[in-house]
Amino acid sequence: MIEIELNSRELEARIDAAAAKLTDMRPLFQRIAGVLEQETEANFAAQGRPSWAPLSKATIAQRMKRNNGGSVLKTLQDSGTLASSISTVYGADFAQIGVGGAARDYAAIQQFGGTIDYAERSRKVRLRTDAKGNLVRQGDMSSAKGRATFASDRHKRVRESWVSVGAYQVTIPARPYLPFTGSGPAAELQPEATRSILDAITRMLDESLS
């Protein structure tokens, strides 16, 4: 679960004012939790506010190949796992949004960005063969010339072997999908989220006084 504590003098002042008038703060923090979830959904819909770094050409090509030319090319929305793993909780003095479940292992690096180091390793490859056991080549043109063709699970004629994959790094840019930027003491609510939370507090106060 990603947990972050956000400090805002204006928000604190509004909440203190609400606390002076409301005996039960849970309904207010329930609304704030709902706002955090709505603003997160808006981030996905807008592809970031401000816009996230676009998908790399390699990622686009991989998705198109995997899905036979058709794929959802929206950032952070290939399978929908990340968005569906977001949840909120609230209590008498807090509202929290976080990510767990199936997206737990990669949720943080998508929010904050970072570099992943992959160690050298061996992996099994499955290559297609013809009826005589010869490797099936991709073609005779350009970069495909002479290259072997990888086999999928449906292919019956295959040749398996182990290959060594050298160490490498993958750098992922920060794409803040939760409604805040930065981390730790430097974390700040997105402007849209701040406005929405202030509106929710104002409406709650108006309702309590009406």
Protein backbone atom coordinates (compact mmCIF):
# COMPACT_ATOMS: atom_id res chain seq x y z
CA MET A 1 0.00 0.00 0.00
CA ILE A 2 1.30 3.45 -0.93
CA GLU A 3 0.67 5.78 1.98
CA ILE A 4 1.32 9.50 1.92
CA GLU A 5 0.55 12.29 4.39
CA LEU A 6 -0.31 15.61 2.80
CA ASN A 7 -0.06 18.93 4.60
CA SER A 8 -1.91 22.04 3.47
CA ARG A 9 -2.49 25.07 5.68
CA GLU A 10 -5.64 26.02 3.81
CA LEU A 11 -7.06 22.50 4.03
CA GLU A 12 -6.15 22.23 7.71
CA ALA A 13 -7.84 25.53 8.44
CA ARG A 14 -11.03 24.46 6.67
CA ILE A 15 -11.04 21.11 8.44
CA ASP A 16 -10.51 22.80 11.81
CA ALA A 17 -13.45 25.08 11.06
CA ALA A 18 -15.56 22.08 10.16
CA ALA A 19 -14.50 20.27 13.34
CA ALA A 20 -15.70 23.21 15.42
CA LYS A 21 -19.19 22.88 13.92
CA LEU A 22 -19.55 19.15 13.34
CA THR A 23 -19.70 16.61 16.14
CA ASP A 24 -19.03 13.66 13.82
CA MET A 25 -16.25 14.14 11.25
CA ARG A 26 -16.55 10.73 9.60
CA PRO A 27 -19.06 11.90 6.93
CA LEU A 28 -16.68 14.70 5.95
CA PHE A 29 -13.68 12.41 5.61
CA GLN A 30 -15.87 9.96 3.71
CA ARG A 31 -16.53 12.72 1.19
CA ILE A 32 -12.83 13.58 1.02
CA ALA A 33 -11.99 9.92 0.34
CA GLY A 34 -14.55 9.95 -2.46
CA VAL A 35 -12.99 13.09 -3.92
CA LEU A 36 -9.54 11.48 -3.90
CA GLU A 37 -10.93 8.51 -5.81
CA GLN A 38 -12.75 10.73 -8.33
CA GLU A 39 -9.63 12.80 -8.95
CA THR A 40 -7.61 9.62 -9.51
CA GLU A 41 -10.15 8.44 -12.08
CA ALA A 42 -9.91 11.87 -13.75
CA ASN A 43 -6.13 11.47 -13.96
CA PHE A 44 -6.51 8.18 -15.82
CA ALA A 45 -9.14 9.65 -18.14
CA ALA A 46 -6.99 12.69 -18.95
CA GLN A 47 -3.79 10.62 -19.20
CA GLY A 48 -2.24 12.71 -16.46
CA ARG A 49 -2.72 16.27 -15.21
CA PRO A 50 -0.25 17.48 -16.38
CA SER A 51 0.10 14.94 -19.17
CA TRP A 52 2.16 11.82 -18.44
CA ALA A 53 5.23 10.89 -20.46
CA PRO A 54 4.02 9.00 -23.55
CA LEU A 55 4.56 5.29 -24.10
CA SER A 56 7.87 4.35 -25.69
CA LYS A 57 7.91 3.09 -29.26
CA ALA A 58 9.09 -0.30 -27.99
CA THR A 59 6.13 -0.59 -25.61
CA ILE A 60 3.66 0.37 -28.34
CA ALA A 61 5.17 -2.20 -30.73
CA GLN A 62 5.07 -4.88 -28.03
CA ARG A 63 1.39 -4.25 -27.27
CA MET A 64 0.40 -4.21 -30.93
CA LYS A 65 2.24 -7.46 -31.62
CA ARG A 66 0.84 -9.17 -28.55
CA ASN A 67 -2.74 -8.23 -29.45
CA ASN A 68 -2.50 -8.88 -33.19
CA GLY A 69 -2.50 -5.23 -34.20
CA GLY A 70 -5.16 -4.00 -31.82
CA SER A 71 -4.50 -2.74 -28.33
CA VAL A 72 -5.45 -0.12 -25.77
CA LEU A 73 -2.58 2.33 -26.15
CA LYS A 74 -3.49 4.47 -23.17
CA THR A 75 -0.74 4.88 -20.62
CA LEU A 76 -1.16 2.78 -17.42
CA GLN A 77 -4.31 1.18 -18.84
CA ASP A 78 -3.14 -1.86 -20.76
CA SER A 79 -4.89 -4.43 -18.57
CA GLY A 80 -6.78 -2.20 -16.13
CA THR A 81 -5.14 -3.89 -13.13
CA LEU A 82 -3.63 -0.71 -11.70
CA ALA A 83 -6.83 1.32 -11.80
CA SER A 84 -8.88 -1.53 -10.33
CA SER A 85 -6.40 -1.96 -7.44
CA ILE A 86 -6.94 1.55 -6.06
CA SER A 87 -8.98 1.85 -2.89
CA THR A 88 -9.81 4.40 -0.20
CA VAL A 89 -10.42 4.24 3.54
CA TYR A 90 -11.51 6.90 6.00
CA GLY A 91 -12.14 7.41 9.70
CA ALA A 92 -13.00 10.06 12.22
CA ASP A 93 -9.85 12.06 11.47
CA PHE A 94 -8.38 10.83 8.18
CA ALA A 95 -9.00 9.96 4.52
CA GLN A 96 -6.54 7.76 2.66
CA ILE A 97 -6.07 6.50 -0.87
CA GLY A 98 -3.67 3.74 -1.86
CA VAL A 99 -2.91 0.83 -4.15
CA GLY A 100 -2.67 -2.83 -3.22
CA GLY A 101 -3.79 -6.17 -4.56
CA ALA A 102 -2.46 -7.31 -7.93
CA ALA A 103 -0.77 -3.96 -8.62
CA ARG A 104 1.13 -3.78 -5.33
CA ASP A 105 4.53 -4.74 -6.80
CA TYR A 106 4.65 -2.01 -9.44
CA ALA A 107 2.27 0.69 -8.18
CA ALA A 108 4.95 2.82 -6.52
CA ILE A 109 7.38 2.97 -9.44
CA GLN A 110 4.58 4.04 -11.79
CA GLN A 111 3.61 6.86 -9.42
CA PHE A 112 7.10 8.07 -8.52
CA GLY A 113 9.25 6.77 -11.40
CA GLY A 114 12.62 5.08 -11.02
CA THR A 115 15.13 2.65 -12.48
CA ILE A 116 14.80 -1.13 -12.33
CA ASP A 117 18.01 -3.18 -12.44
CA TYR A 118 17.74 -6.61 -14.03
CA ALA A 119 20.58 -9.01 -13.25
CA GLU A 120 22.16 -11.30 -15.84
CA ARG A 121 20.14 -14.47 -16.20
CA SER A 122 19.37 -17.44 -18.41
CA ARG A 123 16.07 -18.02 -20.12
CA LYS A 124 14.54 -20.72 -22.27
CA VAL A 125 13.55 -19.83 -25.81
CA ARG A 126 11.24 -21.79 -28.10
CA LEU A 127 11.88 -21.47 -31.84
CA ARG A 128 9.71 -22.78 -34.65
CA THR A 129 10.97 -25.58 -36.89
CA ASP A 130 9.69 -27.16 -40.09
CA ALA A 131 8.90 -30.84 -40.64
CA LYS A 132 12.61 -31.58 -41.18
CA GLY A 133 13.64 -29.89 -37.92
CA ASN A 134 15.10 -26.79 -39.60
CA LEU A 135 14.52 -23.41 -38.02
CA VAL A 136 11.76 -21.36 -39.59
CA ARG A 137 13.16 -17.99 -40.64
CA GLN A 138 11.29 -14.70 -40.50
CA GLY A 139 12.07 -13.74 -44.06
CA ASP A 140 14.66 -12.47 -46.50
CA MET A 141 14.07 -8.75 -46.31
CA SER A 142 15.72 -6.02 -44.22
CA SER A 143 16.14 -6.65 -40.49
CA ALA A 144 14.13 -9.90 -40.58
CA LYS A 145 16.59 -11.60 -42.89
CA GLY A 146 17.82 -14.89 -41.45
CA ARG A 147 16.21 -14.42 -38.04
CA ALA A 148 14.59 -17.42 -36.36
CA THR A 149 10.88 -17.29 -35.50
CA PHE A 150 9.76 -17.63 -31.91
CA ALA A 151 7.15 -20.32 -31.22
CA SER A 152 3.96 -19.81 -29.25
CA ASP A 153 2.16 -22.43 -27.19
CA ARG A 154 0.09 -23.48 -30.20
CA HIS A 155 3.11 -24.46 -32.28
CA LYS A 156 4.00 -28.15 -32.14
CA ARG A 157 7.28 -28.19 -34.06
CA VAL A 158 9.73 -26.34 -31.83
CA ARG A 159 13.36 -26.32 -30.76
CA GLU A 160 14.07 -25.30 -27.19
CA SER A 161 17.35 -23.92 -25.91
CA TRP A 162 18.75 -21.78 -23.13
CA VAL A 163 20.27 -18.38 -23.83
CA SER A 164 22.06 -15.89 -21.59
CA VAL A 165 20.55 -12.44 -21.16
CA GLY A 166 22.96 -9.77 -19.94
CA ALA A 167 22.25 -7.33 -17.13
CA TYR A 168 20.28 -4.24 -18.13
CA GLN A 169 18.26 -1.34 -16.72
CA VAL A 170 14.80 -0.01 -17.43
CA THR A 171 13.97 3.58 -16.45
CA ILE A 172 10.32 4.38 -15.87
CA PRO A 173 9.23 8.05 -15.79
CA ALA A 174 7.01 9.27 -12.97
CA ARG A 175 3.35 9.21 -13.94
CA PRO A 176 1.38 10.46 -10.91
CA TYR A 177 -2.01 8.77 -11.18
CA LEU A 178 -2.90 9.27 -7.51
CA PRO A 179 -3.87 12.91 -6.93
CA PHE A 180 -0.57 14.14 -5.56
CA THR A 181 2.95 14.78 -6.81
CA GLY A 182 6.25 14.23 -5.06
CA SER A 183 6.82 11.99 -2.05
CA GLY A 184 7.44 12.23 1.67
CA PRO A 185 7.45 15.75 3.18
CA ALA A 186 7.58 17.25 -0.33
CA ALA A 187 4.32 15.64 -1.48
CA GLU A 188 1.64 18.04 -2.67
CA LEU A 189 -1.97 17.58 -3.70
CA GLN A 190 -2.69 18.28 -7.34
CA PRO A 191 -4.41 21.65 -7.79
CA GLU A 192 -7.57 19.95 -9.08
CA ALA A 193 -7.74 17.73 -5.99
CA THR A 194 -7.17 20.66 -3.64
CA ARG A 195 -10.04 22.61 -5.20
CA SER A 196 -12.36 19.61 -5.08
CA ILE A 197 -11.59 18.87 -1.42
CA LEU A 198 -12.11 22.52 -0.45
CA ASP A 199 -15.45 22.47 -2.29
CA ALA A 200 -16.46 19.30 -0.44
CA ILE A 201 -15.63 20.87 2.93
CA THR A 202 -17.51 24.07 2.04
CA ARG A 203 -20.62 22.11 1.00
CA MET A 204 -20.45 20.08 4.22
CA LEU A 205 -20.25 23.26 6.30
CA ASP A 206 -23.14 24.85 4.39
CA GLU A 207 -25.25 21.75 4.94
CA SER A 208 -24.45 21.69 8.67
CA LEU A 209 -25.53 25.31 9.08
CA SER A 210 -28.66 25.13 6.94
